[in-house]
Full PDB file with SEQRES, HELIX, SHEET, SSBOND, CRYST1, ORIGX, SCALE, CONECT and MASTER records, all heavy atoms in Angstrom:
SEQRES   1 A   42  TRP VAL ASP ALA PRO PHE ASN GLU GLY ARG GLY VAL TRP          
SEQRES   2 A   42  GLN HIS LEU MET ALA ASP GLY VAL TRP ARG ILE ASP TYR          
SEQRES   3 A   42  GLN MET PRO GLU ASP CYS ASP THR ALA ALA ILE SER ARG          
SEQRES   4 A   42  PRO GLU VAL                                                  
HELIX    1 AA1 PRO A    5  ASN A    7  5                                   3    
HELIX    2 AA2 ALA A   18  GLY A   20  5                                   3    
HELIX    3 AA3 THR A   34  ILE A   37  1                                   4    
SHEET    1 AA1 2 VAL A  12  LEU A  16  0                                        
SHEET    2 AA1 2 TRP A  22  TYR A  26 -1                                        
CRYST1    1.000    1.000    1.000  90.00  90.00  90.00 P 1           1          
ORIGX1      1.000000  0.000000  0.000000        0.00000                         
ORIGX2      0.000000  1.000000  0.000000        0.00000                         
ORIGX3      0.000000  0.000000  1.000000        0.00000                         
SCALE1      1.000000  0.000000  0.000000        0.00000                         
SCALE2      0.000000  1.000000  0.000000        0.00000                         
SCALE3      0.000000  0.000000  1.000000        0.00000                         
ATOM      1  N   TRP A   1     -12.490  55.478  63.065  1.00  0.00           N  
ATOM      2  CA  TRP A   1     -13.684  55.168  62.273  1.00  0.00           C  
ATOM      3  C   TRP A   1     -14.853  54.948  63.224  1.00  0.00           C  
ATOM      4  O   TRP A   1     -14.760  54.147  64.165  1.00  0.00           O  
ATOM      5  CB  TRP A   1     -13.489  53.904  61.444  1.00  0.00           C  
ATOM      6  CG  TRP A   1     -12.610  54.073  60.242  1.00  0.00           C  
ATOM      7  CD1 TRP A   1     -12.986  54.297  58.950  1.00  0.00           C  
ATOM      8  CD2 TRP A   1     -11.174  54.001  60.221  1.00  0.00           C  
ATOM      9  NE1 TRP A   1     -11.890  54.389  58.132  1.00  0.00           N  
ATOM     10  CE2 TRP A   1     -10.755  54.203  58.880  1.00  0.00           C  
ATOM     11  CE3 TRP A   1     -10.184  53.793  61.192  1.00  0.00           C  
ATOM     12  CZ2 TRP A   1      -9.424  54.188  58.499  1.00  0.00           C  
ATOM     13  CZ3 TRP A   1      -8.862  53.793  60.825  1.00  0.00           C  
ATOM     14  CH2 TRP A   1      -8.480  53.988  59.492  1.00  0.00           C  
ATOM     15  N   VAL A   2     -15.943  55.673  62.994  1.00  0.00           N  
ATOM     16  CA  VAL A   2     -17.157  55.456  63.773  1.00  0.00           C  
ATOM     17  C   VAL A   2     -17.783  54.117  63.400  1.00  0.00           C  
ATOM     18  O   VAL A   2     -18.235  53.358  64.267  1.00  0.00           O  
ATOM     19  CB  VAL A   2     -18.175  56.596  63.514  1.00  0.00           C  
ATOM     20  CG1 VAL A   2     -19.474  56.336  64.274  1.00  0.00           C  
ATOM     21  CG2 VAL A   2     -17.579  57.934  63.902  1.00  0.00           C  
ATOM     22  N   ASP A   3     -17.800  53.841  62.105  1.00  0.00           N  
ATOM     23  CA  ASP A   3     -18.468  52.630  61.598  1.00  0.00           C  
ATOM     24  C   ASP A   3     -17.664  52.110  60.406  1.00  0.00           C  
ATOM     25  O   ASP A   3     -18.063  52.291  59.260  1.00  0.00           O  
ATOM     26  CB  ASP A   3     -19.918  52.930  61.206  1.00  0.00           C  
ATOM     27  CG  ASP A   3     -20.054  54.213  60.384  1.00  0.00           C  
ATOM     28  OD1 ASP A   3     -19.006  54.771  59.972  1.00  0.00           O  
ATOM     29  OD2 ASP A   3     -21.186  54.634  60.134  1.00  0.00           O  
ATOM     30  N   ALA A   4     -16.546  51.491  60.700  1.00  0.00           N  
ATOM     31  CA  ALA A   4     -15.602  51.081  59.654  1.00  0.00           C  
ATOM     32  C   ALA A   4     -16.204  49.997  58.771  1.00  0.00           C  
ATOM     33  O   ALA A   4     -16.673  48.968  59.276  1.00  0.00           O  
ATOM     34  CB  ALA A   4     -14.312  50.570  60.287  1.00  0.00           C  
ATOM     35  N   PRO A   5     -16.178  50.171  57.448  1.00  0.00           N  
ATOM     36  CA  PRO A   5     -16.710  49.137  56.553  1.00  0.00           C  
ATOM     37  C   PRO A   5     -15.899  47.850  56.617  1.00  0.00           C  
ATOM     38  O   PRO A   5     -16.431  46.777  56.318  1.00  0.00           O  
ATOM     39  CB  PRO A   5     -16.626  49.790  55.170  1.00  0.00           C  
ATOM     40  CG  PRO A   5     -15.596  50.867  55.305  1.00  0.00           C  
ATOM     41  CD  PRO A   5     -15.702  51.356  56.706  1.00  0.00           C  
ATOM     42  N   PHE A   6     -14.635  47.952  57.026  1.00  0.00           N  
ATOM     43  CA  PHE A   6     -13.785  46.762  57.118  1.00  0.00           C  
ATOM     44  C   PHE A   6     -13.884  46.087  58.488  1.00  0.00           C  
ATOM     45  O   PHE A   6     -13.179  45.135  58.767  1.00  0.00           O  
ATOM     46  CB  PHE A   6     -12.324  47.131  56.830  1.00  0.00           C  
ATOM     47  CG  PHE A   6     -11.817  48.305  57.631  1.00  0.00           C  
ATOM     48  CD1 PHE A   6     -11.368  48.140  58.924  1.00  0.00           C  
ATOM     49  CD2 PHE A   6     -11.814  49.579  57.089  1.00  0.00           C  
ATOM     50  CE1 PHE A   6     -10.913  49.216  59.676  1.00  0.00           C  
ATOM     51  CE2 PHE A   6     -11.348  50.665  57.819  1.00  0.00           C  
ATOM     52  CZ  PHE A   6     -10.898  50.485  59.121  1.00  0.00           C  
ATOM     53  N   ASN A   7     -14.768  46.612  59.367  1.00  0.00           N  
ATOM     54  CA  ASN A   7     -14.978  45.986  60.680  1.00  0.00           C  
ATOM     55  C   ASN A   7     -16.471  45.814  60.943  1.00  0.00           C  
ATOM     56  O   ASN A   7     -16.949  46.037  62.045  1.00  0.00           O  
ATOM     57  CB  ASN A   7     -14.324  46.827  61.785  1.00  0.00           C  
ATOM     58  CG  ASN A   7     -14.288  46.113  63.131  1.00  0.00           C  
ATOM     59  OD1 ASN A   7     -14.073  44.905  63.204  1.00  0.00           O  
ATOM     60  ND2 ASN A   7     -14.482  46.861  64.208  1.00  0.00           N  
ATOM     61  N   GLU A   8     -17.196  45.423  59.910  1.00  0.00           N  
ATOM     62  CA  GLU A   8     -18.632  45.140  60.012  1.00  0.00           C  
ATOM     63  C   GLU A   8     -19.403  46.320  60.596  1.00  0.00           C  
ATOM     64  O   GLU A   8     -20.348  46.148  61.374  1.00  0.00           O  
ATOM     65  CB  GLU A   8     -18.874  43.871  60.831  1.00  0.00           C  
ATOM     66  CG  GLU A   8     -18.223  42.633  60.214  1.00  0.00           C  
ATOM     67  CD  GLU A   8     -18.446  41.383  61.036  1.00  0.00           C  
ATOM     68  OE1 GLU A   8     -18.740  41.516  62.248  1.00  0.00           O  
ATOM     69  OE2 GLU A   8     -18.340  40.280  60.472  1.00  0.00           O  
ATOM     70  N   GLY A   9     -18.978  47.553  60.220  1.00  0.00           N  
ATOM     71  CA  GLY A   9     -19.708  48.739  60.640  1.00  0.00           C  
ATOM     72  C   GLY A   9     -19.480  49.146  62.081  1.00  0.00           C  
ATOM     73  O   GLY A   9     -20.244  49.949  62.625  1.00  0.00           O  
ATOM     74  N   ARG A  10     -18.420  48.639  62.686  1.00  0.00           N  
ATOM     75  CA  ARG A  10     -18.117  49.019  64.073  1.00  0.00           C  
ATOM     76  C   ARG A  10     -16.865  49.906  64.127  1.00  0.00           C  
ATOM     77  O   ARG A  10     -16.173  50.084  63.145  1.00  0.00           O  
ATOM     78  CB  ARG A  10     -17.940  47.770  64.937  1.00  0.00           C  
ATOM     79  CG  ARG A  10     -19.244  47.001  65.164  1.00  0.00           C  
ATOM     80  CD  ARG A  10     -19.024  45.832  66.101  1.00  0.00           C  
ATOM     81  NE  ARG A  10     -18.238  44.799  65.457  1.00  0.00           N  
ATOM     82  CZ  ARG A  10     -18.731  43.784  64.766  1.00  0.00           C  
ATOM     83  NH1 ARG A  10     -20.043  43.661  64.615  1.00  0.00           N  
ATOM     84  NH2 ARG A  10     -17.938  42.883  64.226  1.00  0.00           N  
ATOM     85  N   GLY A  11     -16.587  50.427  65.332  1.00  0.00           N  
ATOM     86  CA  GLY A  11     -15.520  51.401  65.502  1.00  0.00           C  
ATOM     87  C   GLY A  11     -14.125  50.809  65.397  1.00  0.00           C  
ATOM     88  O   GLY A  11     -13.899  49.626  65.684  1.00  0.00           O  
ATOM     89  N   VAL A  12     -13.171  51.665  65.002  1.00  0.00           N  
ATOM     90  CA  VAL A  12     -11.756  51.291  64.923  1.00  0.00           C  
ATOM     91  C   VAL A  12     -10.909  52.519  65.289  1.00  0.00           C  
ATOM     92  O   VAL A  12     -11.222  53.638  64.879  1.00  0.00           O  
ATOM     93  CB  VAL A  12     -11.353  50.790  63.513  1.00  0.00           C  
ATOM     94  CG1 VAL A  12      -9.849  50.546  63.432  1.00  0.00           C  
ATOM     95  CG2 VAL A  12     -12.111  49.520  63.151  1.00  0.00           C  
ATOM     96  N   TRP A  13      -9.846  52.282  66.083  1.00  0.00           N  
ATOM     97  CA  TRP A  13      -8.850  53.306  66.403  1.00  0.00           C  
ATOM     98  C   TRP A  13      -7.500  52.868  65.859  1.00  0.00           C  
ATOM     99  O   TRP A  13      -7.159  51.686  65.902  1.00  0.00           O  
ATOM    100  CB  TRP A  13      -8.696  53.484  67.915  1.00  0.00           C  
ATOM    101  CG  TRP A  13      -9.633  54.496  68.483  1.00  0.00           C  
ATOM    102  CD1 TRP A  13      -9.357  55.766  68.849  1.00  0.00           C  
ATOM    103  CD2 TRP A  13     -11.013  54.307  68.747  1.00  0.00           C  
ATOM    104  NE1 TRP A  13     -10.474  56.404  69.323  1.00  0.00           N  
ATOM    105  CE2 TRP A  13     -11.509  55.523  69.274  1.00  0.00           C  
ATOM    106  CE3 TRP A  13     -11.905  53.242  68.587  1.00  0.00           C  
ATOM    107  CZ2 TRP A  13     -12.837  55.697  69.639  1.00  0.00           C  
ATOM    108  CZ3 TRP A  13     -13.209  53.404  68.959  1.00  0.00           C  
ATOM    109  CH2 TRP A  13     -13.665  54.624  69.472  1.00  0.00           C  
ATOM    110  N   GLN A  14      -6.717  53.848  65.407  1.00  0.00           N  
ATOM    111  CA  GLN A  14      -5.409  53.536  64.822  1.00  0.00           C  
ATOM    112  C   GLN A  14      -4.391  54.572  65.300  1.00  0.00           C  
ATOM    113  O   GLN A  14      -4.526  55.756  65.023  1.00  0.00           O  
ATOM    114  CB  GLN A  14      -5.523  53.566  63.297  1.00  0.00           C  
ATOM    115  CG  GLN A  14      -4.253  53.307  62.525  1.00  0.00           C  
ATOM    116  CD  GLN A  14      -4.538  53.324  61.023  1.00  0.00           C  
ATOM    117  OE1 GLN A  14      -5.290  52.509  60.506  1.00  0.00           O  
ATOM    118  NE2 GLN A  14      -3.938  54.291  60.332  1.00  0.00           N  
ATOM    119  N   HIS A  15      -3.381  54.109  66.055  1.00  0.00           N  
ATOM    120  CA  HIS A  15      -2.346  54.988  66.612  1.00  0.00           C  
ATOM    121  C   HIS A  15      -0.974  54.374  66.396  1.00  0.00           C  
ATOM    122  O   HIS A  15      -0.797  53.162  66.556  1.00  0.00           O  
ATOM    123  CB  HIS A  15      -2.514  55.103  68.136  1.00  0.00           C  
ATOM    124  CG  HIS A  15      -3.538  56.079  68.605  1.00  0.00           C  
ATOM    125  ND1 HIS A  15      -3.296  57.418  68.687  1.00  0.00           N  
ATOM    126  CD2 HIS A  15      -4.795  55.889  69.061  1.00  0.00           C  
ATOM    127  CE1 HIS A  15      -4.372  58.023  69.180  1.00  0.00           C  
ATOM    128  NE2 HIS A  15      -5.290  57.114  69.403  1.00  0.00           N  
ATOM    129  N   LEU A  16       0.021  55.224  66.124  1.00  0.00           N  
ATOM    130  CA  LEU A  16       1.410  54.777  66.121  1.00  0.00           C  
ATOM    131  C   LEU A  16       2.023  55.024  67.491  1.00  0.00           C  
ATOM    132  O   LEU A  16       1.815  56.077  68.098  1.00  0.00           O  
ATOM    133  CB  LEU A  16       2.211  55.534  65.057  1.00  0.00           C  
ATOM    134  CG  LEU A  16       3.714  55.220  64.975  1.00  0.00           C  
ATOM    135  CD1 LEU A  16       3.966  53.753  64.646  1.00  0.00           C  
ATOM    136  CD2 LEU A  16       4.396  56.123  63.944  1.00  0.00           C  
ATOM    137  N   MET A  17       2.819  54.033  67.974  1.00  0.00           N  
ATOM    138  CA  MET A  17       3.517  54.147  69.250  1.00  0.00           C  
ATOM    139  C   MET A  17       5.025  54.052  68.995  1.00  0.00           C  
ATOM    140  O   MET A  17       5.482  54.101  67.851  1.00  0.00           O  
ATOM    141  CB  MET A  17       3.059  53.037  70.200  1.00  0.00           C  
ATOM    142  CG  MET A  17       1.562  52.960  70.400  1.00  0.00           C  
ATOM    143  SD  MET A  17       1.079  51.625  71.519  1.00  0.00           S  
ATOM    144  CE  MET A  17       1.512  50.172  70.563  1.00  0.00           C  
ATOM    145  N   ALA A  18       5.785  53.887  70.059  1.00  0.00           N  
ATOM    146  CA  ALA A  18       7.235  53.759  69.938  1.00  0.00           C  
ATOM    147  C   ALA A  18       7.614  52.451  69.257  1.00  0.00           C  
ATOM    148  O   ALA A  18       6.825  51.501  69.188  1.00  0.00           O  
ATOM    149  CB  ALA A  18       7.880  53.826  71.315  1.00  0.00           C  
ATOM    150  N   ASP A  19       8.842  52.412  68.746  1.00  0.00           N  
ATOM    151  CA  ASP A  19       9.440  51.203  68.161  1.00  0.00           C  
ATOM    152  C   ASP A  19       8.724  50.753  66.892  1.00  0.00           C  
ATOM    153  O   ASP A  19       8.776  49.572  66.531  1.00  0.00           O  
ATOM    154  CB  ASP A  19       9.460  50.046  69.173  1.00  0.00           C  
ATOM    155  CG  ASP A  19      10.166  50.430  70.467  1.00  0.00           C  
ATOM    156  OD1 ASP A  19      11.174  51.148  70.388  1.00  0.00           O  
ATOM    157  OD2 ASP A  19       9.689  50.021  71.543  1.00  0.00           O  
ATOM    158  N   GLY A  20       8.028  51.691  66.221  1.00  0.00           N  
ATOM    159  CA  GLY A  20       7.326  51.329  65.002  1.00  0.00           C  
ATOM    160  C   GLY A  20       6.137  50.411  65.218  1.00  0.00           C  
ATOM    161  O   GLY A  20       5.688  49.733  64.288  1.00  0.00           O  
ATOM    162  N   VAL A  21       5.583  50.384  66.427  1.00  0.00           N  
ATOM    163  CA  VAL A  21       4.446  49.522  66.753  1.00  0.00           C  
ATOM    164  C   VAL A  21       3.155  50.336  66.660  1.00  0.00           C  
ATOM    165  O   VAL A  21       3.044  51.415  67.244  1.00  0.00           O  
ATOM    166  CB  VAL A  21       4.582  48.923  68.163  1.00  0.00           C  
ATOM    167  CG1 VAL A  21       3.369  48.060  68.501  1.00  0.00           C  
ATOM    168  CG2 VAL A  21       5.860  48.093  68.271  1.00  0.00           C  
ATOM    169  N   TRP A  22       2.195  49.789  65.912  1.00  0.00           N  
ATOM    170  CA  TRP A  22       0.875  50.407  65.790  1.00  0.00           C  
ATOM    171  C   TRP A  22      -0.087  49.758  66.764  1.00  0.00           C  
ATOM    172  O   TRP A  22      -0.095  48.541  66.932  1.00  0.00           O  
ATOM    173  CB  TRP A  22       0.340  50.257  64.367  1.00  0.00           C  
ATOM    174  CG  TRP A  22       1.034  51.171  63.403  1.00  0.00           C  
ATOM    175  CD1 TRP A  22       2.202  50.931  62.747  1.00  0.00           C  
ATOM    176  CD2 TRP A  22       0.629  52.475  63.026  1.00  0.00           C  
ATOM    177  NE1 TRP A  22       2.556  52.009  61.978  1.00  0.00           N  
ATOM    178  CE2 TRP A  22       1.598  52.981  62.126  1.00  0.00           C  
ATOM    179  CE3 TRP A  22      -0.469  53.283  63.345  1.00  0.00           C  
ATOM    180  CZ2 TRP A  22       1.507  54.235  61.548  1.00  0.00           C  
ATOM    181  CZ3 TRP A  22      -0.567  54.540  62.768  1.00  0.00           C  
ATOM    182  CH2 TRP A  22       0.410  55.006  61.881  1.00  0.00           C  
ATOM    183  N   ARG A  23      -0.901  50.589  67.377  1.00  0.00           N  
ATOM    184  CA  ARG A  23      -1.982  50.122  68.246  1.00  0.00           C  
ATOM    185  C   ARG A  23      -3.286  50.310  67.468  1.00  0.00           C  
ATOM    186  O   ARG A  23      -3.658  51.427  67.128  1.00  0.00           O  
ATOM    187  CB  ARG A  23      -1.983  50.936  69.533  1.00  0.00           C  
ATOM    188  CG  ARG A  23      -3.256  50.937  70.336  1.00  0.00           C  
ATOM    189  CD  ARG A  23      -3.451  49.679  71.153  1.00  0.00           C  
ATOM    190  NE  ARG A  23      -4.599  49.882  72.030  1.00  0.00           N  
ATOM    191  CZ  ARG A  23      -4.516  50.288  73.299  1.00  0.00           C  
ATOM    192  NH1 ARG A  23      -3.336  50.519  73.846  1.00  0.00           N  
ATOM    193  NH2 ARG A  23      -5.601  50.440  74.029  1.00  0.00           N  
ATOM    194  N   ILE A  24      -3.951  49.205  67.144  1.00  0.00           N  
ATOM    195  CA  ILE A  24      -5.232  49.271  66.441  1.00  0.00           C  
ATOM    196  C   ILE A  24      -6.275  48.572  67.307  1.00  0.00           C  
ATOM    197  O   ILE A  24      -6.129  47.398  67.649  1.00  0.00           O  
ATOM    198  CB  ILE A  24      -5.156  48.623  65.043  1.00  0.00           C  
ATOM    199  CG1 ILE A  24      -4.002  49.244  64.234  1.00  0.00           C  
ATOM    200  CG2 ILE A  24      -6.476  48.812  64.313  1.00  0.00           C  
ATOM    201  CD1 ILE A  24      -3.873  48.717  62.830  1.00  0.00           C  
ATOM    202  N   ASP A  25      -7.311  49.329  67.669  1.00  0.00           N  
ATOM    203  CA  ASP A  25      -8.399  48.817  68.505  1.00  0.00           C  
ATOM    204  C   ASP A  25      -9.617  48.580  67.615  1.00  0.00           C  
ATOM    205  O   ASP A  25     -10.075  49.504  66.934  1.00  0.00           O  
ATOM    206  CB  ASP A  25      -8.769  49.821  69.588  1.00  0.00           C  
ATOM    207  CG  ASP A  25      -7.668  50.039  70.615  1.00  0.00           C  
ATOM    208  OD1 ASP A  25      -6.493  50.201  70.228  1.00  0.00           O  
ATOM    209  OD2 ASP A  25      -7.996  50.075  71.802  1.00  0.00           O  
ATOM    210  N   TYR A  26     -10.143  47.375  67.660  1.00  0.00           N  
ATOM    211  CA  TYR A  26     -11.323  47.020  66.875  1.00  0.00           C  
ATOM    212  C   TYR A  26     -12.497  46.759  67.822  1.00  0.00           C  
ATOM    213  O   TYR A  26     -12.399  45.933  68.739  1.00  0.00           O  
ATOM    214  CB  TYR A  26     -11.079  45.756  66.060  1.00  0.00           C  
ATOM    215  CG  TYR A  26     -10.017  45.874  64.992  1.00  0.00           C  
ATOM    216  CD1 TYR A  26      -8.690  45.528  65.261  1.00  0.00           C  
ATOM    217  CD2 TYR A  26     -10.321  46.318  63.705  1.00  0.00           C  
ATOM    218  CE1 TYR A  26      -7.706  45.615  64.285  1.00  0.00           C  
ATOM    219  CE2 TYR A  26      -9.342  46.408  62.722  1.00  0.00           C  
ATOM    220  CZ  TYR A  26      -8.038  46.061  63.023  1.00  0.00           C  
ATOM    221  OH  TYR A  26      -7.071  46.152  62.049  1.00  0.00           O  
ATOM    222  N   GLN A  27     -13.609  47.448  67.578  1.00  0.00           N  
ATOM    223  CA  GLN A  27     -14.826  47.167  68.324  1.00  0.00           C  
ATOM    224  C   GLN A  27     -15.393  45.838  67.853  1.00  0.00           C  
ATOM    225  O   GLN A  27     -15.449  45.560  66.648  1.00  0.00           O  
ATOM    226  CB  GLN A  27     -15.838  48.288  68.114  1.00  0.00           C  
ATOM    227  CG  GLN A  27     -17.029  48.247  69.042  1.00  0.00           C  
ATOM    228  CD  GLN A  27     -17.954  49.441  68.817  1.00  0.00           C  
ATOM    229  OE1 GLN A  27     -18.064  49.948  67.691  1.00  0.00           O  
ATOM    230  NE2 GLN A  27     -18.612  49.897  69.866  1.00  0.00           N  
ATOM    231  N   MET A  28     -15.828  45.017  68.820  1.00  0.00           N  
ATOM    232  CA  MET A  28     -16.302  43.663  68.532  1.00  0.00           C  
ATOM    233  C   MET A  28     -17.787  43.521  68.905  1.00  0.00           C  
ATOM    234  O   MET A  28     -18.327  44.358  69.646  1.00  0.00           O  
ATOM    235  CB  MET A  28     -15.470  42.655  69.333  1.00  0.00           C  
ATOM    236  CG  MET A  28     -13.991  42.587  68.948  1.00  0.00           C  
ATOM    237  SD  MET A  28     -13.712  41.661  67.417  1.00  0.00           S  
ATOM    238  CE  MET A  28     -13.470  42.996  66.235  1.00  0.00           C  
ATOM    239  N   PRO A  29     -18.431  42.479  68.416  1.00  0.00           N  
ATOM    240  CA  PRO A  29     -19.803  42.223  68.866  1.00  0.00           C  
ATOM    241  C   PRO A  29     -19.840  42.006  70.381  1.00  0.00           C  
ATOM    242  O   PRO A  29     -18.905  41.448  70.963  1.00  0.00           O  
ATOM    243  CB  PRO A  29     -20.188  40.939  68.121  1.00  0.00           C  
ATOM    244  CG  PRO A  29     -19.256  40.873  66.959  1.00  0.00           C  
ATOM    245  CD  PRO A  29     -17.985  41.501  67.407  1.00  0.00           C  
ATOM    246  N   GLU A  30     -20.896  42.452  71.016  1.00  0.00           N  
ATOM    247  CA  GLU A  30     -20.980  42.339  72.467  1.00  0.00           C  
ATOM    248  C   GLU A  30     -20.958  40.895  72.940  1.00  0.00           C  
ATOM    249  O   GLU A  30     -20.481  40.607  74.046  1.00  0.00           O  
ATOM    250  CB  GLU A  30     -22.250  43.037  72.976  1.00  0.00           C  
ATOM    251  CG  GLU A  30     -22.205  44.547  72.828  1.00  0.00           C  
ATOM    252  CD  GLU A  30     -23.430  45.229  73.395  1.00  0.00           C  
ATOM    253  OE1 GLU A  30     -24.346  44.496  73.872  1.00  0.00           O  
ATOM    254  OE2 GLU A  30     -23.485  46.470  73.393  1.00  0.00           O  
ATOM    255  N   ASP A  31     -21.458  39.983  72.124  1.00  0.00           N  
ATOM    256  CA  ASP A  31     -21.513  38.564  72.533  1.00  0.00           C  
ATOM    257  C   ASP A  31     -20.357  37.756  71.958  1.00  0.00           C  
ATOM    258  O   ASP A  31     -20.444  36.529  71.853  1.00  0.00           O  
ATOM    259  CB  ASP A  31     -22.837  37.948  72.100  1.00  0.00           C  
ATOM    260  CG  ASP A  31     -23.043  38.024  70.582  1.00  0.00           C  
ATOM    261  OD1 ASP A  31     -22.214  38.677  69.899  1.00  0.00           O  
ATOM    262  OD2 ASP A  31     -24.027  37.433  70.093  1.00  0.00           O  
ATOM    263  N   CYS A  32     -19.246  38.428  71.610  1.00  0.00           N  
ATOM    264  CA  CYS A  32     -18.147  37.726  70.957  1.00  0.00           C  
ATOM    265  C   CYS A  32     -17.449  36.755  71.907  1.00  0.00           C  
ATOM    266  O   CYS A  32     -17.497  36.899  73.136  1.00  0.00           O  
ATOM    267  CB  CYS A  32     -17.130  38.731  70.402  1.00  0.00           C  
ATOM    268  SG  CYS A  32     -16.272  39.670  71.677  1.00  0.00           S  
ATOM    269  N   ASP A  33     -16.798  35.777  71.322  1.00  0.00           N  
ATOM    270  CA  ASP A  33     -15.932  34.852  72.045  1.00  0.00           C  
ATOM    271  C   ASP A  33     -14.556  35.514  72.138  1.00  0.00           C  
ATOM    272  O   ASP A  33     -13.845  35.628  71.146  1.00  0.00           O  
ATOM    273  CB  ASP A  33     -15.860  33.532  71.287  1.00  0.00           C  
ATOM    274  CG  ASP A  33     -14.970  32.500  71.967  1.00  0.00           C  
ATOM    275  OD1 ASP A  33     -14.068  32.883  72.730  1.00  0.00           O  
ATOM    276  OD2 ASP A  33     -15.154  31.293  71.705  1.00  0.00           O  
ATOM    277  N   THR A  34     -14.178  35.969  73.334  1.00  0.00           N  
ATOM    278  CA  THR A  34     -12.954  36.763  73.460  1.00  0.00           C  
ATOM    279  C   THR A  34     -11.707  35.960  73.087  1.00  0.00           C  
ATOM    280  O   THR A  34     -10.733  36.535  72.577  1.00  0.00           O  
ATOM    281  CB  THR A  34     -12.815  37.314  74.886  1.00  0.00           C  
ATOM    282  OG1 THR A  34     -12.870  36.237  75.822  1.00  0.00           O  
ATOM    283  CG2 THR A  34     -13.920  38.312  75.175  1.00  0.00           C  
ATOM    284  N   ALA A  35     -11.723  34.668  73.335  1.00  0.00           N  
ATOM    285  CA  ALA A  35     -10.569  33.853  72.939  1.00  0.00           C  
ATOM    286  C   ALA A  35     -10.474  33.766  71.419  1.00  0.00           C  
ATOM    287  O   ALA A  35      -9.391  33.847  70.839  1.00  0.00           O  
ATOM    288  CB  ALA A  35     -10.670  32.467  73.564  1.00  0.00           C  
ATOM    289  N   ALA A  36     -11.617  33.620  70.765  1.00  0.00           N  
ATOM    290  CA  ALA A  36     -11.614  33.460  69.302  1.00  0.00           C  
ATOM    291  C   ALA A  36     -11.169  34.742  68.600  1.00  0.00           C  
ATOM    292  O   ALA A  36     -10.373  34.698  67.656  1.00  0.00           O  
ATOM    293  CB  ALA A  36     -13.011  33.053  68.826  1.00  0.00           C  
ATOM    294  N   ILE A  37     -11.654  35.900  69.061  1.00  0.00           N  
ATOM    295  CA  ILE A  37     -11.305  37.150  68.362  1.00  0.00           C  
ATOM    296  C   ILE A  37      -9.835  37.516  68.556  1.00  0.00           C  
ATOM    297  O   ILE A  37      -9.302  38.348  67.823  1.00  0.00           O  
ATOM    298  CB  ILE A  37     -12.193  38.322  68.830  1.00  0.00           C  
ATOM    299  CG1 ILE A  37     -11.970  38.631  70.315  1.00  0.00           C  
ATOM    300  CG2 ILE A  37     -13.657  38.058  68.511  1.00  0.00           C  
ATOM    301  CD1 ILE A  37     -12.660  39.894  70.796  1.00  0.00           C  
ATOM    302  N   SER A  38      -9.172  36.895  69.525  1.00  0.00           N  
ATOM    303  CA  SER A  38      -7.773  37.212  69.807  1.00  0.00           C  
ATOM    304  C   SER A  38      -6.792  36.265  69.136  1.00  0.00           C  
ATOM    305  O   SER A  38      -5.577  36.442  69.278  1.00  0.00           O  
ATOM    306  CB  SER A  38      -7.529  37.175  71.328  1.00  0.00           C  
ATOM    307  OG  SER A  38      -8.422  38.020  72.006  1.00  0.00           O  
ATOM    308  N   ARG A  39      -7.306  35.258  68.408  1.00  0.00           N  
ATOM    309  CA  ARG A  39      -6.390  34.342  67.736  1.00  0.00           C  
ATOM    310  C   ARG A  39      -5.650  35.063  66.624  1.00  0.00           C  
ATOM    311  O   ARG A  39      -6.223  35.901  65.921  1.00  0.00           O  
ATOM    312  CB  ARG A  39      -7.154  33.139  67.176  1.00  0.00           C  
ATOM    313  CG  ARG A  39      -7.695  32.202  68.234  1.00  0.00           C  
ATOM    314  CD  ARG A  39      -7.949  30.803  67.656  1.00  0.00           C  
ATOM    315  NE  ARG A  39      -8.841  30.853  66.510  1.00  0.00           N  
ATOM    316  CZ  ARG A  39     -10.155  30.641  66.587  1.00  0.00           C  
ATOM    317  NH1 ARG A  39     -10.727  30.385  67.753  1.00  0.00           N  
ATOM    318  NH2 ARG A  39     -10.895  30.702  65.500  1.00  0.00           N  
ATOM    319  N   PRO A  40      -4.370  34.787  66.432  1.00  0.00           N  
ATOM    320  CA  PRO A  40      -3.598  35.503  65.414  1.00  0.00           C  
ATOM    321  C   PRO A  40      -4.209  35.447  64.021  1.00  0.00           C  
ATOM    322  O   PRO A  40      -4.196  36.448  63.302  1.00  0.00           O  
ATOM    323  CB  PRO A  40      -2.237  34.801  65.463  1.00  0.00           C  
ATOM    324  CG  PRO A  40      -2.136  34.272  66.849  1.00  0.00           C  
ATOM    325  CD  PRO A  40      -3.529  33.873  67.233  1.00  0.00           C  
ATOM    326  N   GLU A  41      -4.756  34.290  63.638  1.00  0.00           N  
ATOM    327  CA  GLU A  41      -5.311  34.210  62.286  1.00  0.00           C  
ATOM    328  C   GLU A  41      -6.558  35.077  62.133  1.00  0.00           C  
ATOM    329  O   GLU A  41      -6.826  35.631  61.070  1.00  0.00           O  
ATOM    330  CB  GLU A  41      -5.616  32.756  61.907  1.00  0.00           C  
ATOM    331  CG  GLU A  41      -6.641  32.051  62.773  1.00  0.00           C  
ATOM    332  CD  GLU A  41      -6.039  31.372  63.991  1.00  0.00           C  
ATOM    333  OE1 GLU A  41      -4.901  31.738  64.381  1.00  0.00           O  
ATOM    334  OE2 GLU A  41      -6.700  30.463  64.544  1.00  0.00           O  
ATOM    335  N   VAL A  42      -7.333  35.226  63.227  1.00  0.00           N  
ATOM    336  CA  VAL A  42      -8.524  36.082  63.184  1.00  0.00           C  
ATOM    337  C   VAL A  42      -8.114  37.552  63.168  1.00  0.00           C  
ATOM    338  O   VAL A  42      -8.636  38.359  62.391  1.00  0.00           O  
ATOM    339  CB  VAL A  42      -9.442  35.771  64.381  1.00  0.00           C  
ATOM    340  CG1 VAL A  42     -10.645  36.718  64.393  1.00  0.00           C  
ATOM    341  CG2 VAL A  42      -9.912  34.318  64.326  1.00  0.00           C  
TER     342      VAL A  42                                                      
MASTER        0    0    0    3    2    0    0    6  341    1    0    4          
END                                                                             
């Protein structure tokens, strides 16, 4: 997604890997708190 509506208009990548594990990359705001965006609930 160039501008995913479910990611506040930012990019998203979605790939399947081995063992049934998906790799999903979400583009974040440039000034984001990296610890906060990585919390499981977020």
